[in-house]
Protein backbone atom coordinates (compact mmCIF):
# COMPACT_ATOMS: atom_id res chain seq x y z
CA UNK A 1 -13.70 33.36 56.00
CA UNK A 2 -14.54 33.67 52.33
CA UNK A 3 -14.97 30.40 50.42
CA UNK A 4 -12.69 29.87 47.44
CA UNK A 5 -14.25 30.06 43.99
CA UNK A 6 -12.63 29.31 40.65
CA UNK A 7 -14.00 30.13 37.21
CA UNK A 8 -12.13 29.51 33.97
CA UNK A 9 -12.31 31.00 30.50
CA UNK A 10 -10.54 28.89 27.86
CA UNK A 11 -9.46 30.39 24.55
CA UNK A 12 -7.24 28.07 22.53
CA UNK A 13 -4.03 27.38 24.46
CA UNK A 14 -4.74 30.23 26.91
CA UNK A 15 -6.80 30.05 30.07
CA UNK A 16 -7.90 32.84 32.36
CA UNK A 17 -8.58 31.54 35.86
CA UNK A 18 -10.68 33.92 37.96
CA UNK A 19 -9.88 33.34 41.62
CA UNK A 20 -12.12 34.55 44.43
CA UNK A 21 -12.13 34.16 48.20
CA UNK A 22 -9.28 32.57 50.13
CA UNK A 23 -6.51 30.65 48.41
CA UNK A 24 -5.10 28.66 51.30
CA UNK A 25 -4.10 25.18 52.44
CA UNK A 26 -7.72 24.00 52.15
CA UNK A 27 -8.42 25.36 48.68
CA UNK A 28 -5.00 25.15 47.01
CA UNK A 29 -5.44 21.53 45.84
CA UNK A 30 -8.50 22.58 43.80
CA UNK A 31 -6.47 25.16 41.92
CA UNK A 32 -3.46 22.85 41.56
CA UNK A 33 -5.64 20.13 40.02
CA UNK A 34 -7.10 22.59 37.50
CA UNK A 35 -3.65 23.88 36.56
CA UNK A 36 -2.33 20.35 36.02
CA UNK A 37 -5.39 19.46 33.94
CA UNK A 38 -5.10 22.51 31.69
CA UNK A 39 -1.39 22.02 31.10
CA UNK A 40 -1.90 18.33 30.32
CA UNK A 41 -4.44 19.46 27.69
CA UNK A 42 -1.79 21.70 26.11
CA UNK A 43 -3.09 24.95 27.56
CA UNK A 44 0.18 26.44 28.75
CA UNK A 45 -0.59 30.16 28.86
CA UNK A 46 -2.32 30.84 32.18
CA UNK A 47 -3.62 34.16 33.47
CA UNK A 48 -4.67 34.25 37.11
CA UNK A 49 -7.20 37.02 37.74
CA UNK A 50 -6.63 37.81 41.42
CA UNK A 51 -9.00 40.77 41.67
CA UNK A 52 -11.44 38.90 43.91
CA UNK A 53 -8.91 37.09 46.11
CA UNK A 54 -9.27 38.11 49.74
CA UNK A 55 -6.36 36.05 51.16
CA UNK A 56 -3.40 33.97 49.97
CA UNK A 57 -1.23 31.83 52.28
CA UNK A 58 2.08 30.10 51.60
CA UNK A 59 0.36 27.04 50.16
CA UNK A 60 -1.52 29.25 47.70
CA UNK A 61 1.73 30.96 46.72
CA UNK A 62 3.24 27.52 46.21
CA UNK A 63 0.50 26.64 43.74
CA UNK A 64 1.15 29.83 41.75
CA UNK A 65 4.89 29.13 41.70
CA UNK A 66 4.25 25.52 40.71
CA UNK A 67 1.92 26.64 37.92
CA UNK A 68 4.66 28.92 36.60
CA UNK A 69 7.22 26.11 36.67
CA UNK A 70 4.89 23.70 34.88
CA UNK A 71 3.98 26.25 32.22
CA UNK A 72 7.59 27.23 31.59
CA UNK A 73 8.53 23.56 31.25
CA UNK A 74 5.86 23.31 28.55
CA UNK A 75 7.07 26.51 26.79
CA UNK A 76 4.22 28.57 28.21
CA UNK A 77 3.88 31.22 30.86
CA UNK A 78 1.89 32.62 33.75
CA UNK A 79 0.73 36.13 34.51
CA UNK A 80 -1.27 37.69 37.33
CA UNK A 81 -3.91 40.38 36.87
CA UNK A 82 -6.01 42.29 39.35
CA UNK A 83 -3.24 42.11 41.94
CA UNK A 84 -4.33 44.02 45.04
CA UNK A 85 -1.81 45.83 47.27
CA UNK A 86 -1.83 43.10 49.95
CA UNK A 87 -0.94 40.39 47.40
CA UNK A 88 1.65 42.67 45.77
CA UNK A 89 3.28 43.16 49.18
CA UNK A 90 3.24 39.41 49.80
CA UNK A 91 4.93 38.76 46.46
CA UNK A 92 7.54 41.43 47.25
CA UNK A 93 8.23 40.29 50.82
CA UNK A 94 8.69 36.69 49.71
CA UNK A 95 10.99 37.77 46.88
CA UNK A 96 8.91 36.22 44.10
CA UNK A 97 7.29 39.24 42.47
CA UNK A 98 9.81 39.12 39.63
CA UNK A 99 8.64 35.61 38.72
CA UNK A 100 5.29 36.86 37.44
CA UNK A 101 4.11 39.43 34.96
CA UNK A 102 1.59 41.41 36.99
CA UNK A 103 -1.02 44.04 36.31
CA UNK A 104 -3.20 45.86 38.81
C-alpha cells in the first residue's frame, strides 16, 4: 500500500495537482476537498498529474469525474497528464476516457 500524496502548483486560475500513491476510498476525500477549495477560489482549470499514481479505485474515479463536472459548471476544464497504461485501461473500460483530455 502506497500512501496518497498531493502537491499543488497554482498559476492564476490554473492548478496542477500532482497525485502520488493510491487514490482510493480512504484518500479521495482529501482530493475532493482540494478540488472544491480551488474551484471556490475561482481556479477552474485543473490538471491532474497522474504519473506517480499507483492505484485508482471507483471512488477515486468519482472524484475525477466530479472535478470535471464542477469545473465545467464554472466554465473551466480538467485534463489528465502522466496517465499510465493501467489508468488508461481503467478509463477505457469504464467508458469515461472521452471525458478527459489526456497525455501520457
